[in-house]
mmCIF file of all heavy atoms, coordinates in Angstrom:
data_MODEL
# 
_entry.id   MODEL 
# 
loop_
_atom_site.group_PDB 
_atom_site.id 
_atom_site.type_symbol 
_atom_site.label_atom_id 
_atom_site.label_alt_id 
_atom_site.label_comp_id 
_atom_site.label_asym_id 
_atom_site.label_entity_id 
_atom_site.label_seq_id 
_atom_site.pdbx_PDB_ins_code 
_atom_site.Cartn_x 
_atom_site.Cartn_y 
_atom_site.Cartn_z 
_atom_site.occupancy 
_atom_site.B_iso_or_equiv 
_atom_site.pdbx_formal_charge 
_atom_site.auth_seq_id 
_atom_site.auth_comp_id 
_atom_site.auth_asym_id 
_atom_site.auth_atom_id 
_atom_site.pdbx_PDB_model_num 
ATOM 1   N N   . THR A 1 1  ? 19.061  -5.947 3.476   1.00 0.00 ? 1  THR A N   1 
ATOM 2   C CA  . THR A 1 1  ? 17.854  -6.765 3.221   1.00 0.00 ? 1  THR A CA  1 
ATOM 3   C C   . THR A 1 1  ? 16.737  -6.463 4.177   1.00 0.00 ? 1  THR A C   1 
ATOM 4   O O   . THR A 1 1  ? 15.556  -6.402 3.772   1.00 0.00 ? 1  THR A O   1 
ATOM 5   C CB  . THR A 1 1  ? 18.208  -8.262 3.300   1.00 0.00 ? 1  THR A CB  1 
ATOM 6   O OG1 . THR A 1 1  ? 19.259  -8.585 2.371   1.00 0.00 ? 1  THR A OG1 1 
ATOM 7   C CG2 . THR A 1 1  ? 17.011  -9.140 3.013   1.00 0.00 ? 1  THR A CG2 1 
ATOM 8   N N   . LYS A 1 2  ? 17.050  -6.266 5.449   1.00 0.00 ? 2  LYS A N   1 
ATOM 9   C CA  . LYS A 1 2  ? 15.989  -5.943 6.416   1.00 0.00 ? 2  LYS A CA  1 
ATOM 10  C C   . LYS A 1 2  ? 15.256  -4.649 6.043   1.00 0.00 ? 2  LYS A C   1 
ATOM 11  O O   . LYS A 1 2  ? 14.011  -4.602 6.149   1.00 0.00 ? 2  LYS A O   1 
ATOM 12  C CB  . LYS A 1 2  ? 16.624  -5.820 7.800   1.00 0.00 ? 2  LYS A CB  1 
ATOM 13  C CG  . LYS A 1 2  ? 15.603  -5.571 8.921   1.00 0.00 ? 2  LYS A CG  1 
ATOM 14  C CD  . LYS A 1 2  ? 16.282  -5.476 10.281  1.00 0.00 ? 2  LYS A CD  1 
ATOM 15  C CE  . LYS A 1 2  ? 15.259  -5.204 11.393  1.00 0.00 ? 2  LYS A CE  1 
ATOM 16  N NZ  . LYS A 1 2  ? 15.917  -5.098 12.708  1.00 0.00 ? 2  LYS A NZ  1 
ATOM 17  N N   . THR A 1 3  ? 16.029  -3.677 5.660   1.00 0.00 ? 3  THR A N   1 
ATOM 18  C CA  . THR A 1 3  ? 15.380  -2.397 5.249   1.00 0.00 ? 3  THR A CA  1 
ATOM 19  C C   . THR A 1 3  ? 14.580  -2.565 3.963   1.00 0.00 ? 3  THR A C   1 
ATOM 20  O O   . THR A 1 3  ? 13.479  -1.991 3.849   1.00 0.00 ? 3  THR A O   1 
ATOM 21  C CB  . THR A 1 3  ? 16.477  -1.304 5.051   1.00 0.00 ? 3  THR A CB  1 
ATOM 22  O OG1 . THR A 1 3  ? 17.209  -1.162 6.268   1.00 0.00 ? 3  THR A OG1 1 
ATOM 23  C CG2 . THR A 1 3  ? 15.832  0.022  4.683   1.00 0.00 ? 3  THR A CG2 1 
ATOM 24  N N   . LEU A 1 4  ? 15.079  -3.346 3.017   1.00 0.00 ? 4  LEU A N   1 
ATOM 25  C CA  . LEU A 1 4  ? 14.368  -3.593 1.785   1.00 0.00 ? 4  LEU A CA  1 
ATOM 26  C C   . LEU A 1 4  ? 13.019  -4.266 2.089   1.00 0.00 ? 4  LEU A C   1 
ATOM 27  O O   . LEU A 1 4  ? 12.005  -3.849 1.494   1.00 0.00 ? 4  LEU A O   1 
ATOM 28  C CB  . LEU A 1 4  ? 15.182  -4.490 0.868   1.00 0.00 ? 4  LEU A CB  1 
ATOM 29  C CG  . LEU A 1 4  ? 16.396  -3.840 0.196   1.00 0.00 ? 4  LEU A CG  1 
ATOM 30  C CD1 . LEU A 1 4  ? 17.190  -4.890 -0.568  1.00 0.00 ? 4  LEU A CD1 1 
ATOM 31  C CD2 . LEU A 1 4  ? 16.024  -2.719 -0.714  1.00 0.00 ? 4  LEU A CD2 1 
ATOM 32  N N   . ILE A 1 5  ? 13.032  -5.254 2.946   1.00 0.00 ? 5  ILE A N   1 
ATOM 33  C CA  . ILE A 1 5  ? 11.799  -5.946 3.298   1.00 0.00 ? 5  ILE A CA  1 
ATOM 34  C C   . ILE A 1 5  ? 10.822  -4.967 3.990   1.00 0.00 ? 5  ILE A C   1 
ATOM 35  O O   . ILE A 1 5  ? 9.627   -4.939 3.704   1.00 0.00 ? 5  ILE A O   1 
ATOM 36  C CB  . ILE A 1 5  ? 12.080  -7.155 4.199   1.00 0.00 ? 5  ILE A CB  1 
ATOM 37  C CG1 . ILE A 1 5  ? 12.860  -8.209 3.440   1.00 0.00 ? 5  ILE A CG1 1 
ATOM 38  C CG2 . ILE A 1 5  ? 10.762  -7.718 4.765   1.00 0.00 ? 5  ILE A CG2 1 
ATOM 39  C CD1 . ILE A 1 5  ? 13.294  -9.381 4.312   1.00 0.00 ? 5  ILE A CD1 1 
ATOM 40  N N   . SER A 1 6  ? 11.383  -4.168 4.880   1.00 0.00 ? 6  SER A N   1 
ATOM 41  C CA  . SER A 1 6  ? 10.563  -3.171 5.594   1.00 0.00 ? 6  SER A CA  1 
ATOM 42  C C   . SER A 1 6  ? 9.916   -2.188 4.593   1.00 0.00 ? 6  SER A C   1 
ATOM 43  O O   . SER A 1 6  ? 8.731   -1.863 4.709   1.00 0.00 ? 6  SER A O   1 
ATOM 44  C CB  . SER A 1 6  ? 11.415  -2.397 6.613   1.00 0.00 ? 6  SER A CB  1 
ATOM 45  O OG  . SER A 1 6  ? 10.673  -1.399 7.248   1.00 0.00 ? 6  SER A OG  1 
ATOM 46  N N   . ILE A 1 7  ? 10.723  -1.698 3.652   1.00 0.00 ? 7  ILE A N   1 
ATOM 47  C CA  . ILE A 1 7  ? 10.213  -0.752 2.660   1.00 0.00 ? 7  ILE A CA  1 
ATOM 48  C C   . ILE A 1 7  ? 9.122   -1.395 1.801   1.00 0.00 ? 7  ILE A C   1 
ATOM 49  O O   . ILE A 1 7  ? 8.082   -0.803 1.540   1.00 0.00 ? 7  ILE A O   1 
ATOM 50  C CB  . ILE A 1 7  ? 11.345  -0.208 1.764   1.00 0.00 ? 7  ILE A CB  1 
ATOM 51  C CG1 . ILE A 1 7  ? 12.272  0.702  2.623   1.00 0.00 ? 7  ILE A CG1 1 
ATOM 52  C CG2 . ILE A 1 7  ? 10.802  0.588  0.609   1.00 0.00 ? 7  ILE A CG2 1 
ATOM 53  C CD1 . ILE A 1 7  ? 13.519  1.141  1.864   1.00 0.00 ? 7  ILE A CD1 1 
ATOM 54  N N   . ALA A 1 8  ? 9.372   -2.639 1.340   1.00 0.00 ? 8  ALA A N   1 
ATOM 55  C CA  . ALA A 1 8  ? 8.435   -3.326 0.463   1.00 0.00 ? 8  ALA A CA  1 
ATOM 56  C C   . ALA A 1 8  ? 7.111   -3.591 1.196   1.00 0.00 ? 8  ALA A C   1 
ATOM 57  O O   . ALA A 1 8  ? 6.042   -3.346 0.664   1.00 0.00 ? 8  ALA A O   1 
ATOM 58  C CB  . ALA A 1 8  ? 9.054   -4.632 -0.053  1.00 0.00 ? 8  ALA A CB  1 
ATOM 59  N N   . VAL A 1 9  ? 7.215   -4.130 2.429   1.00 0.00 ? 9  VAL A N   1 
ATOM 60  C CA  . VAL A 1 9  ? 6.011   -4.452 3.195   1.00 0.00 ? 9  VAL A CA  1 
ATOM 61  C C   . VAL A 1 9  ? 5.218   -3.146 3.518   1.00 0.00 ? 9  VAL A C   1 
ATOM 62  O O   . VAL A 1 9  ? 3.987   -3.115 3.352   1.00 0.00 ? 9  VAL A O   1 
ATOM 63  C CB  . VAL A 1 9  ? 6.364   -5.174 4.483   1.00 0.00 ? 9  VAL A CB  1 
ATOM 64  C CG1 . VAL A 1 9  ? 5.138   -5.350 5.396   1.00 0.00 ? 9  VAL A CG1 1 
ATOM 65  C CG2 . VAL A 1 9  ? 6.916   -6.583 4.155   1.00 0.00 ? 9  VAL A CG2 1 
ATOM 66  N N   . SER A 1 10 ? 5.925   -2.120 3.964   1.00 0.00 ? 10 SER A N   1 
ATOM 67  C CA  . SER A 1 10 ? 5.241   -0.890 4.309   1.00 0.00 ? 10 SER A CA  1 
ATOM 68  C C   . SER A 1 10 ? 4.615   -0.274 3.059   1.00 0.00 ? 10 SER A C   1 
ATOM 69  O O   . SER A 1 10 ? 3.508   0.286  3.120   1.00 0.00 ? 10 SER A O   1 
ATOM 70  C CB  . SER A 1 10 ? 6.195   0.099  4.993   1.00 0.00 ? 10 SER A CB  1 
ATOM 71  O OG  . SER A 1 10 ? 7.275   0.452  4.169   1.00 0.00 ? 10 SER A OG  1 
ATOM 72  N N   . SER A 1 11 ? 5.343   -0.380 1.935   1.00 0.00 ? 11 SER A N   1 
ATOM 73  C CA  . SER A 1 11 ? 4.773   0.148  0.686   1.00 0.00 ? 11 SER A CA  1 
ATOM 74  C C   . SER A 1 11 ? 3.499   -0.583 0.302   1.00 0.00 ? 11 SER A C   1 
ATOM 75  O O   . SER A 1 11 ? 2.500   0.050  -0.094  1.00 0.00 ? 11 SER A O   1 
ATOM 76  C CB  . SER A 1 11 ? 5.785   -0.016 -0.437  1.00 0.00 ? 11 SER A CB  1 
ATOM 77  O OG  . SER A 1 11 ? 6.927   0.782  -0.246  1.00 0.00 ? 11 SER A OG  1 
ATOM 78  N N   . TYR A 1 12 ? 3.481   -1.904 0.481   1.00 0.00 ? 12 TYR A N   1 
ATOM 79  C CA  . TYR A 1 12 ? 2.266   -2.642 0.124   1.00 0.00 ? 12 TYR A CA  1 
ATOM 80  C C   . TYR A 1 12 ? 1.122   -2.347 1.088   1.00 0.00 ? 12 TYR A C   1 
ATOM 81  O O   . TYR A 1 12 ? -0.045  -2.310 0.687   1.00 0.00 ? 12 TYR A O   1 
ATOM 82  C CB  . TYR A 1 12 ? 2.525   -4.123 0.090   1.00 0.00 ? 12 TYR A CB  1 
ATOM 83  C CG  . TYR A 1 12 ? 1.357   -4.910 -0.451  1.00 0.00 ? 12 TYR A CG  1 
ATOM 84  C CD1 . TYR A 1 12 ? 0.838   -4.585 -1.704  1.00 0.00 ? 12 TYR A CD1 1 
ATOM 85  C CD2 . TYR A 1 12 ? 0.730   -5.912 0.288   1.00 0.00 ? 12 TYR A CD2 1 
ATOM 86  C CE1 . TYR A 1 12 ? -0.273  -5.236 -2.204  1.00 0.00 ? 12 TYR A CE1 1 
ATOM 87  C CE2 . TYR A 1 12 ? -0.391  -6.573 -0.195  1.00 0.00 ? 12 TYR A CE2 1 
ATOM 88  C CZ  . TYR A 1 12 ? -0.887  -6.245 -1.465  1.00 0.00 ? 12 TYR A CZ  1 
ATOM 89  O OH  . TYR A 1 12 ? -2.001  -6.873 -1.947  1.00 0.00 ? 12 TYR A OH  1 
ATOM 90  N N   . VAL A 1 13 ? 1.470   -2.146 2.365   1.00 0.00 ? 13 VAL A N   1 
ATOM 91  C CA  . VAL A 1 13 ? 0.424   -1.771 3.344   1.00 0.00 ? 13 VAL A CA  1 
ATOM 92  C C   . VAL A 1 13 ? -0.228  -0.456 2.892   1.00 0.00 ? 13 VAL A C   1 
ATOM 93  O O   . VAL A 1 13 ? -1.453  -0.324 2.894   1.00 0.00 ? 13 VAL A O   1 
ATOM 94  C CB  . VAL A 1 13 ? 0.992   -1.656 4.746   1.00 0.00 ? 13 VAL A CB  1 
ATOM 95  C CG1 . VAL A 1 13 ? -0.023  -1.004 5.697   1.00 0.00 ? 13 VAL A CG1 1 
ATOM 96  C CG2 . VAL A 1 13 ? 1.429   -2.996 5.306   1.00 0.00 ? 13 VAL A CG2 1 
ATOM 97  N N   . ILE A 1 14 ? 0.614   0.480  2.477   1.00 0.00 ? 14 ILE A N   1 
ATOM 98  C CA  . ILE A 1 14 ? 0.111   1.763  1.989   1.00 0.00 ? 14 ILE A CA  1 
ATOM 99  C C   . ILE A 1 14 ? -0.725  1.513  0.737   1.00 0.00 ? 14 ILE A C   1 
ATOM 100 O O   . ILE A 1 14 ? -1.788  2.099  0.572   1.00 0.00 ? 14 ILE A O   1 
ATOM 101 C CB  . ILE A 1 14 ? 1.271   2.716  1.705   1.00 0.00 ? 14 ILE A CB  1 
ATOM 102 C CG1 . ILE A 1 14 ? 1.958   3.134  2.970   1.00 0.00 ? 14 ILE A CG1 1 
ATOM 103 C CG2 . ILE A 1 14 ? 0.771   3.961  0.938   1.00 0.00 ? 14 ILE A CG2 1 
ATOM 104 C CD1 . ILE A 1 14 ? 1.106   3.908  3.934   1.00 0.00 ? 14 ILE A CD1 1 
ATOM 105 N N   . PHE A 1 15 ? -0.256  0.632  -0.175  1.00 0.00 ? 15 PHE A N   1 
ATOM 106 C CA  . PHE A 1 15 ? -0.978  0.369  -1.378  1.00 0.00 ? 15 PHE A CA  1 
ATOM 107 C C   . PHE A 1 15 ? -2.347  -0.290 -1.105  1.00 0.00 ? 15 PHE A C   1 
ATOM 108 O O   . PHE A 1 15 ? -3.314  -0.061 -1.823  1.00 0.00 ? 15 PHE A O   1 
ATOM 109 C CB  . PHE A 1 15 ? -0.161  -0.525 -2.310  1.00 0.00 ? 15 PHE A CB  1 
ATOM 110 C CG  . PHE A 1 15 ? 1.004   0.171  -2.989  1.00 0.00 ? 15 PHE A CG  1 
ATOM 111 C CD1 . PHE A 1 15 ? 2.176   -0.507 -3.200  1.00 0.00 ? 15 PHE A CD1 1 
ATOM 112 C CD2 . PHE A 1 15 ? 0.886   1.488  -3.423  1.00 0.00 ? 15 PHE A CD2 1 
ATOM 113 C CE1 . PHE A 1 15 ? 3.240   0.146  -3.830  1.00 0.00 ? 15 PHE A CE1 1 
ATOM 114 C CE2 . PHE A 1 15 ? 1.912   2.113  -4.037  1.00 0.00 ? 15 PHE A CE2 1 
ATOM 115 C CZ  . PHE A 1 15 ? 3.121   1.482  -4.269  1.00 0.00 ? 15 PHE A CZ  1 
ATOM 116 N N   . ILE A 1 16 ? -2.394  -1.133 -0.066  1.00 0.00 ? 16 ILE A N   1 
ATOM 117 C CA  . ILE A 1 16 ? -3.684  -1.731 0.303   1.00 0.00 ? 16 ILE A CA  1 
ATOM 118 C C   . ILE A 1 16 ? -4.667  -0.631 0.703   1.00 0.00 ? 16 ILE A C   1 
ATOM 119 O O   . ILE A 1 16 ? -5.828  -0.603 0.230   1.00 0.00 ? 16 ILE A O   1 
ATOM 120 C CB  . ILE A 1 16 ? -3.529  -2.710 1.457   1.00 0.00 ? 16 ILE A CB  1 
ATOM 121 C CG1 . ILE A 1 16 ? -2.760  -3.964 0.994   1.00 0.00 ? 16 ILE A CG1 1 
ATOM 122 C CG2 . ILE A 1 16 ? -4.890  -3.135 2.044   1.00 0.00 ? 16 ILE A CG2 1 
ATOM 123 C CD1 . ILE A 1 16 ? -2.434  -4.917 2.117   1.00 0.00 ? 16 ILE A CD1 1 
ATOM 124 N N   . VAL A 1 17 ? -4.177  0.298  1.518   1.00 0.00 ? 17 VAL A N   1 
ATOM 125 C CA  . VAL A 1 17 ? -5.041  1.435  1.961   1.00 0.00 ? 17 VAL A CA  1 
ATOM 126 C C   . VAL A 1 17 ? -5.436  2.276  0.770   1.00 0.00 ? 17 VAL A C   1 
ATOM 127 O O   . VAL A 1 17 ? -6.641  2.635  0.613   1.00 0.00 ? 17 VAL A O   1 
ATOM 128 C CB  . VAL A 1 17 ? -4.306  2.275  2.998   1.00 0.00 ? 17 VAL A CB  1 
ATOM 129 C CG1 . VAL A 1 17 ? -5.132  3.502  3.373   1.00 0.00 ? 17 VAL A CG1 1 
ATOM 130 C CG2 . VAL A 1 17 ? -4.022  1.442  4.268   1.00 0.00 ? 17 VAL A CG2 1 
ATOM 131 N N   . THR A 1 18 ? -4.459  2.645  -0.076  1.00 0.00 ? 18 THR A N   1 
ATOM 132 C CA  . THR A 1 18 ? -4.782  3.512  -1.209  1.00 0.00 ? 18 THR A CA  1 
ATOM 133 C C   . THR A 1 18 ? -5.699  2.814  -2.198  1.00 0.00 ? 18 THR A C   1 
ATOM 134 O O   . THR A 1 18 ? -6.569  3.447  -2.802  1.00 0.00 ? 18 THR A O   1 
ATOM 135 C CB  . THR A 1 18 ? -3.493  3.936  -1.933  1.00 0.00 ? 18 THR A CB  1 
ATOM 136 O OG1 . THR A 1 18 ? -2.730  2.789  -2.362  1.00 0.00 ? 18 THR A OG1 1 
ATOM 137 C CG2 . THR A 1 18 ? -2.647  4.808  -1.026  1.00 0.00 ? 18 THR A CG2 1 
ATOM 138 N N   . SER A 1 19 ? -5.546  1.504  -2.364  1.00 0.00 ? 19 SER A N   1 
ATOM 139 C CA  . SER A 1 19 ? -6.402  0.770  -3.281  1.00 0.00 ? 19 SER A CA  1 
ATOM 140 C C   . SER A 1 19 ? -7.835  0.709  -2.823  1.00 0.00 ? 19 SER A C   1 
ATOM 141 O O   . SER A 1 19 ? -8.786  0.935  -3.562  1.00 0.00 ? 19 SER A O   1 
ATOM 142 C CB  . SER A 1 19 ? -5.853  -0.669 -3.483  1.00 0.00 ? 19 SER A CB  1 
ATOM 143 O OG  . SER A 1 19 ? -4.586  -0.650 -4.058  1.00 0.00 ? 19 SER A OG  1 
ATOM 144 N N   . LEU A 1 20 ? -8.010  0.445  -1.511  1.00 0.00 ? 20 LEU A N   1 
ATOM 145 C CA  . LEU A 1 20 ? -9.377  0.402  -0.980  1.00 0.00 ? 20 LEU A CA  1 
ATOM 146 C C   . LEU A 1 20 ? -10.000 1.763  -0.924  1.00 0.00 ? 20 LEU A C   1 
ATOM 147 O O   . LEU A 1 20 ? -11.207 1.927  -1.164  1.00 0.00 ? 20 LEU A O   1 
ATOM 148 C CB  . LEU A 1 20 ? -9.348  -0.213 0.438   1.00 0.00 ? 20 LEU A CB  1 
ATOM 149 C CG  . LEU A 1 20 ? -8.888  -1.676 0.517   1.00 0.00 ? 20 LEU A CG  1 
ATOM 150 C CD1 . LEU A 1 20 ? -8.831  -2.124 1.964   1.00 0.00 ? 20 LEU A CD1 1 
ATOM 151 C CD2 . LEU A 1 20 ? -9.811  -2.594 -0.289  1.00 0.00 ? 20 LEU A CD2 1 
ATOM 152 N N   . THR A 1 21 ? -9.171  2.784  -0.672  1.00 0.00 ? 21 THR A N   1 
ATOM 153 C CA  . THR A 1 21 ? -9.691  4.156  -0.599  1.00 0.00 ? 21 THR A CA  1 
ATOM 154 C C   . THR A 1 21 ? -10.122 4.669  -1.944  1.00 0.00 ? 21 THR A C   1 
ATOM 155 O O   . THR A 1 21 ? -11.039 5.514  -2.012  1.00 0.00 ? 21 THR A O   1 
ATOM 156 C CB  . THR A 1 21 ? -8.614  5.054  -0.002  1.00 0.00 ? 21 THR A CB  1 
ATOM 157 O OG1 . THR A 1 21 ? -8.174  4.592  1.254   1.00 0.00 ? 21 THR A OG1 1 
ATOM 158 C CG2 . THR A 1 21 ? -9.154  6.493  0.195   1.00 0.00 ? 21 THR A CG2 1 
ATOM 159 N N   . ASP A 1 22 ? -9.530  4.187  -3.026  1.00 0.00 ? 22 ASP A N   1 
ATOM 160 C CA  . ASP A 1 22 ? -9.892  4.714  -4.318  1.00 0.00 ? 22 ASP A CA  1 
ATOM 161 C C   . ASP A 1 22 ? -11.208 4.212  -4.858  1.00 0.00 ? 22 ASP A C   1 
ATOM 162 O O   . ASP A 1 22 ? -11.734 4.698  -5.878  1.00 0.00 ? 22 ASP A O   1 
ATOM 163 C CB  . ASP A 1 22 ? -8.771  4.509  -5.356  1.00 0.00 ? 22 ASP A CB  1 
ATOM 164 C CG  . ASP A 1 22 ? -8.716  3.071  -5.957  1.00 0.00 ? 22 ASP A CG  1 
ATOM 165 O OD1 . ASP A 1 22 ? -9.615  2.268  -5.682  1.00 0.00 ? 22 ASP A OD1 1 
ATOM 166 O OD2 . ASP A 1 22 ? -7.780  2.810  -6.720  1.00 0.00 ? 22 ASP A OD2 1 
ATOM 167 N N   . THR A 1 23 ? -11.843 3.211  -4.188  1.00 0.00 ? 23 THR A N   1 
ATOM 168 C CA  . THR A 1 23 ? -13.059 2.621  -4.626  1.00 0.00 ? 23 THR A CA  1 
ATOM 169 C C   . THR A 1 23 ? -14.206 3.657  -4.798  1.00 0.00 ? 23 THR A C   1 
ATOM 170 O O   . THR A 1 23 ? -14.856 3.717  -5.852  1.00 0.00 ? 23 THR A O   1 
ATOM 171 C CB  . THR A 1 23 ? -13.526 1.472  -3.718  1.00 0.00 ? 23 THR A CB  1 
ATOM 172 O OG1 . THR A 1 23 ? -12.485 0.502  -3.643  1.00 0.00 ? 23 THR A OG1 1 
ATOM 173 C CG2 . THR A 1 23 ? -14.798 0.838  -4.222  1.00 0.00 ? 23 THR A CG2 1 
ATOM 174 N N   . PRO A 1 24 ? -14.485 4.493  -3.784  1.00 0.00 ? 24 PRO A N   1 
ATOM 175 C CA  . PRO A 1 24 ? -15.544 5.486  -4.008  1.00 0.00 ? 24 PRO A CA  1 
ATOM 176 C C   . PRO A 1 24 ? -15.205 6.495  -5.105  1.00 0.00 ? 24 PRO A C   1 
ATOM 177 O O   . PRO A 1 24 ? -16.104 7.033  -5.749  1.00 0.00 ? 24 PRO A O   1 
ATOM 178 C CB  . PRO A 1 24 ? -15.665 6.164  -2.645  1.00 0.00 ? 24 PRO A CB  1 
ATOM 179 C CG  . PRO A 1 24 ? -14.415 5.863  -1.908  1.00 0.00 ? 24 PRO A CG  1 
ATOM 180 C CD  . PRO A 1 24 ? -13.985 4.528  -2.390  1.00 0.00 ? 24 PRO A CD  1 
ATOM 181 N N   . PHE A 1 25 ? -13.907 6.724  -5.309  1.00 0.00 ? 25 PHE A N   1 
ATOM 182 C CA  . PHE A 1 25 ? -13.499 7.683  -6.347  1.00 0.00 ? 25 PHE A CA  1 
ATOM 183 C C   . PHE A 1 25 ? -13.782 7.101  -7.754  1.00 0.00 ? 25 PHE A C   1 
ATOM 184 O O   . PHE A 1 25 ? -14.151 7.875  -8.660  1.00 0.00 ? 25 PHE A O   1 
ATOM 185 C CB  . PHE A 1 25 ? -12.026 8.046  -6.190  1.00 0.00 ? 25 PHE A CB  1 
ATOM 186 C CG  . PHE A 1 25 ? -11.751 8.912  -5.010  1.00 0.00 ? 25 PHE A CG  1 
ATOM 187 C CD1 . PHE A 1 25 ? -11.498 8.370  -3.754  1.00 0.00 ? 25 PHE A CD1 1 
ATOM 188 C CD2 . PHE A 1 25 ? -11.836 10.313 -5.102  1.00 0.00 ? 25 PHE A CD2 1 
ATOM 189 C CE1 . PHE A 1 25 ? -11.270 9.193  -2.654  1.00 0.00 ? 25 PHE A CE1 1 
ATOM 190 C CE2 . PHE A 1 25 ? -11.608 11.130 -4.035  1.00 0.00 ? 25 PHE A CE2 1 
ATOM 191 C CZ  . PHE A 1 25 ? -11.292 10.580 -2.770  1.00 0.00 ? 25 PHE A CZ  1 
ATOM 192 N N   . ILE A 1 26 ? -13.597 5.797  -7.938  1.00 0.00 ? 26 ILE A N   1 
ATOM 193 C CA  . ILE A 1 26 ? -13.867 5.270  -9.263  1.00 0.00 ? 26 ILE A CA  1 
ATOM 194 C C   . ILE A 1 26 ? -15.393 5.204  -9.525  1.00 0.00 ? 26 ILE A C   1 
ATOM 195 O O   . ILE A 1 26 ? -15.848 5.391  -10.631 1.00 0.00 ? 26 ILE A O   1 
ATOM 196 C CB  . ILE A 1 26 ? -13.194 3.880  -9.487  1.00 0.00 ? 26 ILE A CB  1 
ATOM 197 C CG1 . ILE A 1 26 ? -13.247 3.522  -10.958 1.00 0.00 ? 26 ILE A CG1 1 
ATOM 198 C CG2 . ILE A 1 26 ? -13.864 2.803  -8.635  1.00 0.00 ? 26 ILE A CG2 1 
ATOM 199 C CD1 . ILE A 1 26 ? -12.383 2.340  -11.314 1.00 0.00 ? 26 ILE A CD1 1 
ATOM 200 N N   . TYR A 1 27 ? -16.185 4.977  -8.448  1.00 0.00 ? 27 TYR A N   1 
ATOM 201 C CA  . TYR A 1 27 ? -17.613 5.050  -8.589  1.00 0.00 ? 27 TYR A CA  1 
ATOM 202 C C   . TYR A 1 27 ? -18.024 6.493  -8.961  1.00 0.00 ? 27 TYR A C   1 
ATOM 203 O O   . TYR A 1 27 ? -18.925 6.697  -9.830  1.00 0.00 ? 27 TYR A O   1 
ATOM 204 C CB  . TYR A 1 27 ? -18.334 4.627  -7.328  1.00 0.00 ? 27 TYR A CB  1 
ATOM 205 C CG  . TYR A 1 27 ? -18.558 3.156  -7.210  1.00 0.00 ? 27 TYR A CG  1 
ATOM 206 C CD1 . TYR A 1 27 ? -17.647 2.316  -6.577  1.00 0.00 ? 27 TYR A CD1 1 
ATOM 207 C CD2 . TYR A 1 27 ? -19.704 2.565  -7.790  1.00 0.00 ? 27 TYR A CD2 1 
ATOM 208 C CE1 . TYR A 1 27 ? -17.840 0.948  -6.468  1.00 0.00 ? 27 TYR A CE1 1 
ATOM 209 C CE2 . TYR A 1 27 ? -19.904 1.187  -7.698  1.00 0.00 ? 27 TYR A CE2 1 
ATOM 210 C CZ  . TYR A 1 27 ? -18.969 0.384  -7.039  1.00 0.00 ? 27 TYR A CZ  1 
ATOM 211 O OH  . TYR A 1 27 ? -19.170 -0.965 -6.951  1.00 0.00 ? 27 TYR A OH  1 
# 
């Protein structure tokens, strides 16, 4: 469970970065 939480949280942190980064690309 600890690893699952770590993977999920880290994945979402990456997704936050990738989501914000894609903004100039959609413009």
